[in-house]
Amino acid sequence: MDDFAIRSYTKKELALCYFPTSENPHSAVNHLMSWINRCTPLREALEAQGYRKSAKWFSPREVRMIIDHLGEP
């Protein structure tokens, strides 16, 4: 995805960028969150930024952190 924009994304929206063939958006979110939770430096960076598990959106700064650790979708 050459034109990936750094902006606010809902968890569902970003997860579907990473898992576009997922039949269920909830499954895509679960997969993305699993990746984030397994990447300790990313998880710690997000928590230091103020990320909360209950958040429905990722801020542009959080999206940048995710891209830096997981790569572009």
N, C-alpha and C. Protein backbone atom coordinates (compact mmCIF):
# COMPACT_ATOMS: atom_id res chain seq x y z
N MET A 1 0.85 -1.18 0.00
CA MET A 1 0.00 0.00 0.00
C MET A 1 0.89 1.23 0.00
N ASP A 2 1.17 1.77 -1.18
CA ASP A 2 2.09 2.88 -1.31
C ASP A 2 1.53 4.19 -0.79
N ASP A 3 0.23 4.32 -0.76
CA ASP A 3 -0.40 5.58 -0.38
C ASP A 3 -0.97 5.55 1.04
N PHE A 4 -0.36 4.76 1.92
CA PHE A 4 -0.89 4.65 3.28
C PHE A 4 -0.71 5.99 3.99
N ALA A 5 -1.80 6.54 4.50
CA ALA A 5 -1.79 7.85 5.15
C ALA A 5 -1.69 7.69 6.66
N ILE A 6 -0.84 8.51 7.26
CA ILE A 6 -0.75 8.55 8.71
C ILE A 6 -1.81 9.53 9.18
N ARG A 7 -2.84 8.99 9.82
CA ARG A 7 -3.97 9.79 10.31
C ARG A 7 -4.64 8.97 11.40
N SER A 8 -5.69 9.48 11.99
CA SER A 8 -6.46 8.70 12.97
C SER A 8 -7.19 7.57 12.24
N TYR A 9 -7.18 6.39 12.85
CA TYR A 9 -7.89 5.23 12.33
C TYR A 9 -8.66 4.59 13.47
N THR A 10 -9.85 4.08 13.18
CA THR A 10 -10.50 3.23 14.17
C THR A 10 -9.71 1.93 14.21
N LYS A 11 -9.84 1.20 15.29
CA LYS A 11 -9.15 -0.09 15.37
C LYS A 11 -9.58 -1.00 14.22
N LYS A 12 -10.87 -0.99 13.92
CA LYS A 12 -11.39 -1.83 12.84
C LYS A 12 -10.80 -1.43 11.50
N GLU A 13 -10.76 -0.13 11.25
CA GLU A 13 -10.26 0.37 9.98
C GLU A 13 -8.78 0.00 9.78
N LEU A 14 -7.96 0.20 10.81
CA LEU A 14 -6.54 -0.13 10.70
C LEU A 14 -6.34 -1.63 10.61
N ALA A 15 -7.10 -2.39 11.39
CA ALA A 15 -6.98 -3.84 11.35
C ALA A 15 -7.31 -4.38 9.96
N LEU A 16 -8.30 -3.81 9.31
CA LEU A 16 -8.67 -4.26 7.97
C LEU A 16 -7.62 -3.86 6.93
N CYS A 17 -6.82 -2.84 7.21
CA CYS A 17 -5.70 -2.52 6.34
C CYS A 17 -4.64 -3.62 6.42
N TYR A 18 -4.41 -4.14 7.63
CA TYR A 18 -3.43 -5.21 7.82
C TYR A 18 -3.98 -6.57 7.39
N PHE A 19 -5.26 -6.78 7.56
CA PHE A 19 -5.88 -8.08 7.26
C PHE A 19 -7.08 -7.87 6.32
N PRO A 20 -6.83 -7.46 5.09
CA PRO A 20 -7.93 -7.12 4.18
C PRO A 20 -8.80 -8.31 3.77
N THR A 21 -8.29 -9.51 3.89
CA THR A 21 -9.08 -10.67 3.49
C THR A 21 -9.87 -11.27 4.65
N SER A 22 -9.78 -10.66 5.80
CA SER A 22 -10.51 -11.16 6.96
C SER A 22 -12.01 -11.07 6.70
N GLU A 23 -12.71 -12.17 6.92
CA GLU A 23 -14.16 -12.19 6.68
C GLU A 23 -14.93 -11.45 7.77
N ASN A 24 -14.32 -11.32 8.92
CA ASN A 24 -15.00 -10.70 10.06
C ASN A 24 -14.12 -9.57 10.60
N PRO A 25 -14.58 -8.33 10.60
CA PRO A 25 -13.76 -7.23 11.12
C PRO A 25 -13.31 -7.44 12.56
N HIS A 26 -14.14 -8.09 13.36
CA HIS A 26 -13.77 -8.35 14.75
C HIS A 26 -12.54 -9.26 14.82
N SER A 27 -12.47 -10.23 13.93
CA SER A 27 -11.30 -11.12 13.87
C SER A 27 -10.05 -10.34 13.47
N ALA A 28 -10.21 -9.42 12.53
CA ALA A 28 -9.08 -8.59 12.10
C ALA A 28 -8.56 -7.76 13.27
N VAL A 29 -9.46 -7.18 14.05
CA VAL A 29 -9.05 -6.39 15.22
C VAL A 29 -8.33 -7.30 16.22
N ASN A 30 -8.87 -8.49 16.46
CA ASN A 30 -8.22 -9.41 17.39
C ASN A 30 -6.81 -9.77 16.93
N HIS A 31 -6.63 -10.00 15.63
CA HIS A 31 -5.31 -10.31 15.11
C HIS A 31 -4.34 -9.14 15.29
N LEU A 32 -4.80 -7.94 14.94
CA LEU A 32 -3.93 -6.77 15.08
C LEU A 32 -3.54 -6.56 16.53
N MET A 33 -4.52 -6.65 17.43
CA MET A 33 -4.22 -6.43 18.84
C MET A 33 -3.28 -7.52 19.38
N SER A 34 -3.41 -8.72 18.86
CA SER A 34 -2.50 -9.80 19.24
C SER A 34 -1.07 -9.46 18.81
N TRP A 35 -0.92 -8.96 17.59
CA TRP A 35 0.41 -8.54 17.13
C TRP A 35 0.97 -7.45 18.01
N ILE A 36 0.15 -6.45 18.33
CA ILE A 36 0.59 -5.33 19.17
C ILE A 36 1.00 -5.83 20.55
N ASN A 37 0.20 -6.69 21.14
CA ASN A 37 0.50 -7.18 22.49
C ASN A 37 1.74 -8.06 22.54
N ARG A 38 2.05 -8.73 21.44
CA ARG A 38 3.25 -9.57 21.39
C ARG A 38 4.52 -8.78 21.15
N CYS A 39 4.38 -7.58 20.63
CA CYS A 39 5.55 -6.72 20.38
C CYS A 39 5.73 -5.81 21.59
N THR A 40 6.50 -6.28 22.54
CA THR A 40 6.65 -5.57 23.81
C THR A 40 7.10 -4.12 23.64
N PRO A 41 8.10 -3.82 22.80
CA PRO A 41 8.48 -2.40 22.65
C PRO A 41 7.33 -1.53 22.13
N LEU A 42 6.54 -2.07 21.22
CA LEU A 42 5.40 -1.32 20.69
C LEU A 42 4.35 -1.12 21.77
N ARG A 43 4.01 -2.19 22.47
CA ARG A 43 3.00 -2.09 23.52
C ARG A 43 3.42 -1.08 24.57
N GLU A 44 4.69 -1.11 24.98
CA GLU A 44 5.18 -0.18 26.00
C GLU A 44 5.18 1.26 25.47
N ALA A 45 5.54 1.44 24.20
CA ALA A 45 5.53 2.79 23.62
C ALA A 45 4.11 3.35 23.56
N LEU A 46 3.15 2.50 23.18
CA LEU A 46 1.76 2.94 23.13
C LEU A 46 1.25 3.29 24.53
N GLU A 47 1.57 2.46 25.50
CA GLU A 47 1.14 2.73 26.88
C GLU A 47 1.76 4.02 27.40
N ALA A 48 3.03 4.27 27.09
CA ALA A 48 3.69 5.50 27.52
C ALA A 48 3.05 6.73 26.88
N GLN A 49 2.50 6.54 25.68
CA GLN A 49 1.82 7.61 24.96
C GLN A 49 0.45 7.90 25.55
N GLY A 50 -0.07 6.99 26.37
CA GLY A 50 -1.38 7.18 26.97
C GLY A 50 -2.46 6.30 26.37
N TYR A 51 -2.05 5.35 25.51
CA TYR A 51 -3.02 4.44 24.90
C TYR A 51 -3.75 3.64 25.97
N ARG A 52 -5.06 3.50 25.78
CA ARG A 52 -5.89 2.67 26.67
C ARG A 52 -6.50 1.54 25.87
N LYS A 53 -6.55 0.38 26.46
CA LYS A 53 -7.09 -0.81 25.79
C LYS A 53 -8.51 -0.58 25.30
N SER A 54 -9.28 0.22 26.01
CA SER A 54 -10.68 0.46 25.66
C SER A 54 -10.87 1.50 24.55
N ALA A 55 -9.78 2.12 24.11
CA ALA A 55 -9.86 3.14 23.06
C ALA A 55 -10.39 2.53 21.76
N LYS A 56 -11.20 3.27 21.05
CA LYS A 56 -11.76 2.81 19.77
C LYS A 56 -10.95 3.31 18.58
N TRP A 57 -10.10 4.30 18.81
CA TRP A 57 -9.32 4.94 17.76
C TRP A 57 -7.84 4.87 18.09
N PHE A 58 -7.02 4.89 17.03
CA PHE A 58 -5.59 5.12 17.17
C PHE A 58 -5.32 6.52 16.66
N SER A 59 -4.58 7.31 17.42
CA SER A 59 -4.20 8.65 16.98
C SER A 59 -3.14 8.54 15.89
N PRO A 60 -2.91 9.62 15.15
CA PRO A 60 -1.84 9.57 14.14
C PRO A 60 -0.48 9.18 14.75
N ARG A 61 -0.19 9.65 15.92
CA ARG A 61 1.09 9.30 16.57
C ARG A 61 1.13 7.81 16.88
N GLU A 62 0.02 7.26 17.35
CA GLU A 62 -0.03 5.82 17.64
C GLU A 62 0.07 5.00 16.36
N VAL A 63 -0.56 5.47 15.29
CA VAL A 63 -0.47 4.79 13.99
C VAL A 63 0.99 4.77 13.54
N ARG A 64 1.69 5.89 13.68
CA ARG A 64 3.11 5.96 13.31
C ARG A 64 3.92 4.93 14.11
N MET A 65 3.65 4.82 15.40
CA MET A 65 4.36 3.83 16.23
C MET A 65 4.10 2.41 15.74
N ILE A 66 2.85 2.14 15.41
CA ILE A 66 2.49 0.80 14.93
C ILE A 66 3.21 0.51 13.63
N ILE A 67 3.23 1.46 12.70
CA ILE A 67 3.92 1.30 11.42
C ILE A 67 5.41 1.09 11.63
N ASP A 68 5.98 1.85 12.55
CA ASP A 68 7.42 1.74 12.81
C ASP A 68 7.79 0.34 13.32
N HIS A 69 6.90 -0.27 14.09
CA HIS A 69 7.20 -1.58 14.68
C HIS A 69 6.71 -2.75 13.82
N LEU A 70 5.58 -2.60 13.17
CA LEU A 70 4.99 -3.71 12.43
C LEU A 70 5.14 -3.58 10.91
N GLY A 71 5.52 -2.41 10.45
CA GLY A 71 5.61 -2.17 9.01
C GLY A 71 4.27 -1.66 8.48
N GLU A 72 4.33 -1.17 7.25
CA GLU A 72 3.08 -0.69 6.63
C GLU A 72 2.20 -1.86 6.26
N PRO A 73 0.91 -1.65 6.35
CA PRO A 73 0.00 -2.74 5.94
C PRO A 73 0.07 -2.98 4.44
